[in-house]
Amino acid sequence: MLEQETIKYFFGKTIHELHSGTRLNNSTEMPYIKKRLAGSGGFRFYFLLIIKNDSVYLMFVHPKTGPHGADNITDESKAYLYKKVLHCIENNVFYSLTLDESKKHIHFDKAY
């Protein structure tokens, strides 16, 4: 379910279509967003949009229910993730996500 929700929301959309969600900073060039997917008991995605490069950096995802379910992350955790992803972007240490030919599965490729 997580993979399908990720594909449905993040792939095949323009950078401006991904602006929905709760804005966690005031940046217009690099908005930091928390987005609920699959309803109130679904998943929470935290991601950074880099408008000038048309890039989306997924930082963290967690389910709201089930054995791995959790409440929203703390403000300290949000700040840590933001700093960590900026460091990874600066150093080209991240994974690139692409769809397979069927467009039903995600491939993870190291981007360094």
N, C-alpha and C. Protein backbone atom coordinates (compact mmCIF):
# COMPACT_ATOMS: atom_id res chain seq x y z
N MET A 1 0.82 -1.20 0.00
CA MET A 1 0.00 0.00 0.00
C MET A 1 0.86 1.26 0.00
N LEU A 2 1.95 1.28 0.78
CA LEU A 2 2.82 2.45 0.84
C LEU A 2 3.42 2.76 -0.53
N GLU A 3 3.89 1.73 -1.21
CA GLU A 3 4.49 1.95 -2.53
C GLU A 3 3.47 2.54 -3.50
N GLN A 4 2.25 2.03 -3.49
CA GLN A 4 1.23 2.53 -4.40
C GLN A 4 0.82 3.96 -4.07
N GLU A 5 0.73 4.29 -2.79
CA GLU A 5 0.41 5.66 -2.38
C GLU A 5 1.53 6.62 -2.80
N THR A 6 2.77 6.17 -2.68
CA THR A 6 3.92 6.98 -3.08
C THR A 6 3.87 7.25 -4.58
N ILE A 7 3.63 6.22 -5.35
CA ILE A 7 3.54 6.38 -6.81
C ILE A 7 2.40 7.31 -7.19
N LYS A 8 1.24 7.08 -6.60
CA LYS A 8 0.06 7.87 -6.94
C LYS A 8 0.25 9.35 -6.63
N TYR A 9 0.89 9.67 -5.52
CA TYR A 9 1.01 11.08 -5.14
C TYR A 9 2.22 11.78 -5.77
N PHE A 10 3.38 11.11 -5.83
CA PHE A 10 4.61 11.81 -6.21
C PHE A 10 5.00 11.70 -7.67
N PHE A 11 4.58 10.67 -8.37
CA PHE A 11 5.03 10.48 -9.75
C PHE A 11 4.01 11.05 -10.74
N GLY A 12 4.53 11.59 -11.84
CA GLY A 12 3.68 12.11 -12.90
C GLY A 12 3.02 13.44 -12.58
N LYS A 13 3.57 14.18 -11.63
CA LYS A 13 3.02 15.48 -11.26
C LYS A 13 4.09 16.55 -11.41
N THR A 14 3.64 17.76 -11.62
CA THR A 14 4.58 18.87 -11.66
C THR A 14 4.96 19.23 -10.23
N ILE A 15 6.03 19.95 -10.09
CA ILE A 15 6.49 20.38 -8.77
C ILE A 15 5.43 21.23 -8.08
N HIS A 16 4.68 22.00 -8.85
CA HIS A 16 3.65 22.87 -8.26
C HIS A 16 2.42 22.09 -7.79
N GLU A 17 2.19 20.93 -8.35
CA GLU A 17 1.08 20.09 -7.90
C GLU A 17 1.37 19.41 -6.56
N LEU A 18 2.63 19.43 -6.14
CA LEU A 18 3.02 18.78 -4.90
C LEU A 18 3.03 19.73 -3.70
N HIS A 19 2.53 20.92 -3.88
CA HIS A 19 2.53 21.93 -2.81
C HIS A 19 1.48 21.69 -1.74
N SER A 20 0.58 20.75 -1.93
CA SER A 20 -0.47 20.55 -0.93
C SER A 20 0.10 19.84 0.29
N GLY A 21 -0.47 20.12 1.44
CA GLY A 21 0.01 19.55 2.69
C GLY A 21 0.27 20.66 3.68
N THR A 22 0.81 20.30 4.81
CA THR A 22 1.13 21.29 5.85
C THR A 22 2.54 21.79 5.63
N ARG A 23 2.67 23.09 5.45
CA ARG A 23 3.99 23.72 5.25
C ARG A 23 4.68 23.84 6.60
N LEU A 24 5.90 23.31 6.71
CA LEU A 24 6.64 23.32 7.97
C LEU A 24 7.69 24.42 8.03
N ASN A 25 7.84 25.16 6.94
CA ASN A 25 8.72 26.33 6.92
C ASN A 25 8.07 27.42 6.08
N ASN A 26 8.71 28.56 5.98
CA ASN A 26 8.13 29.69 5.23
C ASN A 26 8.82 29.91 3.89
N SER A 27 9.63 28.98 3.45
CA SER A 27 10.39 29.15 2.22
C SER A 27 9.50 28.93 0.99
N THR A 28 9.64 29.83 0.02
CA THR A 28 8.92 29.64 -1.24
C THR A 28 9.78 28.88 -2.25
N GLU A 29 11.11 28.95 -2.09
CA GLU A 29 12.01 28.24 -3.00
C GLU A 29 12.26 26.80 -2.58
N MET A 30 12.16 26.53 -1.26
CA MET A 30 12.43 25.19 -0.73
C MET A 30 11.41 24.84 0.36
N PRO A 31 10.14 24.71 -0.02
CA PRO A 31 9.14 24.38 1.01
C PRO A 31 9.34 22.98 1.59
N TYR A 32 9.20 22.90 2.90
CA TYR A 32 9.30 21.66 3.68
C TYR A 32 7.86 21.30 4.03
N ILE A 33 7.40 20.14 3.58
CA ILE A 33 5.98 19.81 3.64
C ILE A 33 5.74 18.47 4.34
N LYS A 34 4.68 18.44 5.14
CA LYS A 34 4.17 17.19 5.73
C LYS A 34 2.86 16.90 5.01
N LYS A 35 2.72 15.72 4.48
CA LYS A 35 1.54 15.36 3.70
C LYS A 35 0.93 14.06 4.21
N ARG A 36 -0.37 14.07 4.42
CA ARG A 36 -1.12 12.88 4.80
C ARG A 36 -1.57 12.17 3.53
N LEU A 37 -1.29 10.87 3.45
CA LEU A 37 -1.76 10.06 2.32
C LEU A 37 -2.51 8.85 2.86
N ALA A 38 -3.49 8.40 2.11
CA ALA A 38 -4.33 7.24 2.44
C ALA A 38 -5.19 7.50 3.67
N GLY A 39 -5.67 8.73 3.84
CA GLY A 39 -6.61 9.04 4.92
C GLY A 39 -5.97 9.24 6.27
N SER A 40 -6.82 9.44 7.28
CA SER A 40 -6.33 9.78 8.61
C SER A 40 -5.55 8.64 9.27
N GLY A 41 -5.78 7.42 8.91
CA GLY A 41 -5.04 6.30 9.48
C GLY A 41 -3.93 5.81 8.57
N GLY A 42 -3.64 6.56 7.50
CA GLY A 42 -2.66 6.14 6.50
C GLY A 42 -1.23 6.47 6.87
N PHE A 43 -0.58 7.25 6.03
CA PHE A 43 0.84 7.55 6.17
C PHE A 43 1.08 9.05 6.26
N ARG A 44 2.20 9.43 6.86
CA ARG A 44 2.66 10.80 6.87
C ARG A 44 3.99 10.85 6.14
N PHE A 45 4.06 11.68 5.12
CA PHE A 45 5.28 11.90 4.36
C PHE A 45 5.84 13.26 4.71
N TYR A 46 7.14 13.35 4.89
CA TYR A 46 7.82 14.61 5.09
C TYR A 46 8.77 14.76 3.91
N PHE A 47 8.65 15.88 3.18
CA PHE A 47 9.49 16.04 2.00
C PHE A 47 9.84 17.50 1.78
N LEU A 48 10.90 17.69 1.00
CA LEU A 48 11.40 19.01 0.67
C LEU A 48 11.29 19.20 -0.83
N LEU A 49 10.70 20.31 -1.25
CA LEU A 49 10.63 20.65 -2.66
C LEU A 49 11.72 21.67 -2.96
N ILE A 50 12.50 21.44 -3.99
CA ILE A 50 13.49 22.42 -4.42
C ILE A 50 12.95 22.97 -5.75
N ILE A 51 12.29 24.10 -5.68
CA ILE A 51 11.58 24.65 -6.83
C ILE A 51 12.53 24.93 -7.99
N LYS A 52 13.67 25.59 -7.72
CA LYS A 52 14.56 25.99 -8.81
C LYS A 52 15.15 24.81 -9.57
N ASN A 53 15.23 23.64 -8.95
CA ASN A 53 15.76 22.44 -9.62
C ASN A 53 14.68 21.43 -9.98
N ASP A 54 13.42 21.77 -9.73
CA ASP A 54 12.31 20.83 -9.96
C ASP A 54 12.59 19.48 -9.32
N SER A 55 13.00 19.49 -8.06
CA SER A 55 13.34 18.27 -7.35
C SER A 55 12.50 18.10 -6.09
N VAL A 56 12.22 16.86 -5.77
CA VAL A 56 11.51 16.50 -4.55
C VAL A 56 12.41 15.55 -3.78
N TYR A 57 12.63 15.85 -2.50
CA TYR A 57 13.44 15.00 -1.66
C TYR A 57 12.57 14.45 -0.53
N LEU A 58 12.28 13.16 -0.60
CA LEU A 58 11.51 12.52 0.46
C LEU A 58 12.44 12.32 1.65
N MET A 59 11.99 12.74 2.83
CA MET A 59 12.82 12.66 4.01
C MET A 59 12.44 11.50 4.91
N PHE A 60 11.15 11.37 5.13
CA PHE A 60 10.70 10.44 6.16
C PHE A 60 9.24 10.09 5.89
N VAL A 61 8.89 8.85 6.16
CA VAL A 61 7.49 8.43 6.07
C VAL A 61 7.21 7.50 7.24
N HIS A 62 6.01 7.61 7.79
CA HIS A 62 5.62 6.68 8.83
C HIS A 62 4.12 6.42 8.75
N PRO A 63 3.72 5.18 9.10
CA PRO A 63 2.29 4.87 9.15
C PRO A 63 1.69 5.46 10.42
N LYS A 64 0.41 5.75 10.39
CA LYS A 64 -0.28 6.26 11.58
C LYS A 64 -0.84 5.12 12.42
N THR A 65 -1.11 3.97 11.82
CA THR A 65 -1.72 2.86 12.54
C THR A 65 -0.92 1.58 12.29
N GLY A 66 -1.34 0.50 12.90
CA GLY A 66 -0.69 -0.80 12.72
C GLY A 66 0.49 -0.97 13.65
N PRO A 67 1.20 -2.08 13.51
CA PRO A 67 2.30 -2.38 14.43
C PRO A 67 3.44 -1.37 14.38
N HIS A 68 3.60 -0.67 13.27
CA HIS A 68 4.66 0.33 13.14
C HIS A 68 4.11 1.75 13.21
N GLY A 69 2.84 1.86 13.57
CA GLY A 69 2.19 3.16 13.63
C GLY A 69 2.79 4.08 14.68
N ALA A 70 2.73 5.37 14.41
CA ALA A 70 3.29 6.36 15.34
C ALA A 70 2.55 7.68 15.20
N ASP A 71 2.60 8.46 16.26
CA ASP A 71 2.08 9.82 16.20
C ASP A 71 3.00 10.64 15.31
N ASN A 72 2.58 11.88 15.05
CA ASN A 72 3.45 12.76 14.27
C ASN A 72 4.79 12.93 14.98
N ILE A 73 5.83 13.16 14.21
CA ILE A 73 7.17 13.29 14.79
C ILE A 73 7.31 14.64 15.50
N THR A 74 8.28 14.71 16.39
CA THR A 74 8.48 15.93 17.19
C THR A 74 9.08 17.05 16.33
N ASP A 75 8.98 18.27 16.84
CA ASP A 75 9.59 19.40 16.15
C ASP A 75 11.10 19.23 16.04
N GLU A 76 11.71 18.65 17.06
CA GLU A 76 13.16 18.39 17.02
C GLU A 76 13.50 17.42 15.90
N SER A 77 12.68 16.40 15.73
CA SER A 77 12.91 15.42 14.66
C SER A 77 12.73 16.06 13.29
N LYS A 78 11.73 16.92 13.16
CA LYS A 78 11.51 17.63 11.89
C LYS A 78 12.72 18.49 11.55
N ALA A 79 13.26 19.21 12.53
CA ALA A 79 14.43 20.06 12.31
C ALA A 79 15.65 19.21 11.94
N TYR A 80 15.83 18.09 12.63
CA TYR A 80 16.95 17.19 12.33
C TYR A 80 16.86 16.67 10.90
N LEU A 81 15.68 16.22 10.48
CA LEU A 81 15.49 15.70 9.13
C LEU A 81 15.81 16.77 8.08
N TYR A 82 15.36 17.98 8.33
CA TYR A 82 15.59 19.09 7.41
C TYR A 82 17.10 19.32 7.24
N LYS A 83 17.82 19.41 8.34
CA LYS A 83 19.27 19.63 8.28
C LYS A 83 19.98 18.45 7.62
N LYS A 84 19.54 17.26 7.94
CA LYS A 84 20.16 16.05 7.39
C LYS A 84 19.97 15.97 5.87
N VAL A 85 18.77 16.26 5.39
CA VAL A 85 18.54 16.18 3.94
C VAL A 85 19.31 17.27 3.21
N LEU A 86 19.43 18.46 3.79
CA LEU A 86 20.24 19.51 3.15
C LEU A 86 21.70 19.06 3.05
N HIS A 87 22.20 18.45 4.09
CA HIS A 87 23.57 17.92 4.08
C HIS A 87 23.72 16.86 2.98
N CYS A 88 22.76 15.97 2.88
CA CYS A 88 22.82 14.91 1.87
C CYS A 88 22.75 15.47 0.45
N ILE A 89 21.92 16.50 0.24
CA ILE A 89 21.83 17.14 -1.07
C ILE A 89 23.16 17.79 -1.43
N GLU A 90 23.74 18.53 -0.49
CA GLU A 90 25.03 19.20 -0.72
C GLU A 90 26.13 18.21 -1.06
N ASN A 91 26.06 17.01 -0.50
CA ASN A 91 27.10 16.00 -0.70
C ASN A 91 26.72 14.89 -1.68
N ASN A 92 25.59 15.05 -2.36
CA ASN A 92 25.10 14.04 -3.32
C ASN A 92 25.05 12.64 -2.72
N VAL A 93 24.49 12.54 -1.53
CA VAL A 93 24.36 11.25 -0.86
C VAL A 93 22.87 11.00 -0.62
N PHE A 94 22.23 10.44 -1.63
CA PHE A 94 20.81 10.13 -1.53
C PHE A 94 20.45 9.11 -2.59
N TYR A 95 19.23 8.63 -2.56
CA TYR A 95 18.73 7.68 -3.55
C TYR A 95 17.80 8.40 -4.50
N SER A 96 17.85 8.00 -5.75
CA SER A 96 16.94 8.50 -6.76
C SER A 96 15.85 7.44 -6.96
N LEU A 97 14.60 7.86 -6.95
CA LEU A 97 13.49 6.93 -7.12
C LEU A 97 12.95 7.04 -8.53
N THR A 98 12.81 5.90 -9.20
CA THR A 98 12.23 5.84 -10.55
C THR A 98 11.22 4.71 -10.58
N LEU A 99 10.35 4.77 -11.56
CA LEU A 99 9.37 3.70 -11.74
C LEU A 99 9.90 2.65 -12.71
N ASP A 100 9.49 1.41 -12.50
CA ASP A 100 9.84 0.37 -13.46
C ASP A 100 8.98 0.55 -14.71
N GLU A 101 9.17 -0.30 -15.70
CA GLU A 101 8.44 -0.17 -16.96
C GLU A 101 6.92 -0.28 -16.78
N SER A 102 6.48 -1.08 -15.83
CA SER A 102 5.04 -1.26 -15.61
C SER A 102 4.43 -0.07 -14.88
N LYS A 103 5.29 0.79 -14.30
CA LYS A 103 4.86 1.95 -13.51
C LYS A 103 4.11 1.54 -12.24
N LYS A 104 4.40 0.31 -11.77
CA LYS A 104 3.75 -0.20 -10.56
C LYS A 104 4.72 -0.40 -9.41
N HIS A 105 6.03 -0.27 -9.68
CA HIS A 105 7.02 -0.50 -8.64
C HIS A 105 8.12 0.56 -8.72
N ILE A 106 8.66 0.88 -7.55
CA ILE A 106 9.70 1.89 -7.45
C ILE A 106 11.07 1.23 -7.39
N HIS A 107 12.02 1.79 -8.13
CA HIS A 107 13.43 1.39 -8.06
C HIS A 107 14.18 2.45 -7.27
N PHE A 108 15.13 2.01 -6.45
CA PHE A 108 15.97 2.91 -5.67
C PHE A 108 17.38 2.82 -6.23
N ASP A 109 17.90 3.94 -6.69
CA ASP A 109 19.26 3.98 -7.23
C ASP A 109 20.06 5.02 -6.46
N LYS A 110 21.26 4.65 -6.03
CA LYS A 110 22.11 5.58 -5.32
C LYS A 110 22.54 6.69 -6.26
N ALA A 111 22.49 7.93 -5.80
CA ALA A 111 22.71 9.07 -6.70
C ALA A 111 24.10 9.68 -6.57
N TYR A 112 25.04 9.02 -5.96
CA TYR A 112 26.38 9.62 -5.86
C TYR A 112 27.32 9.05 -6.87
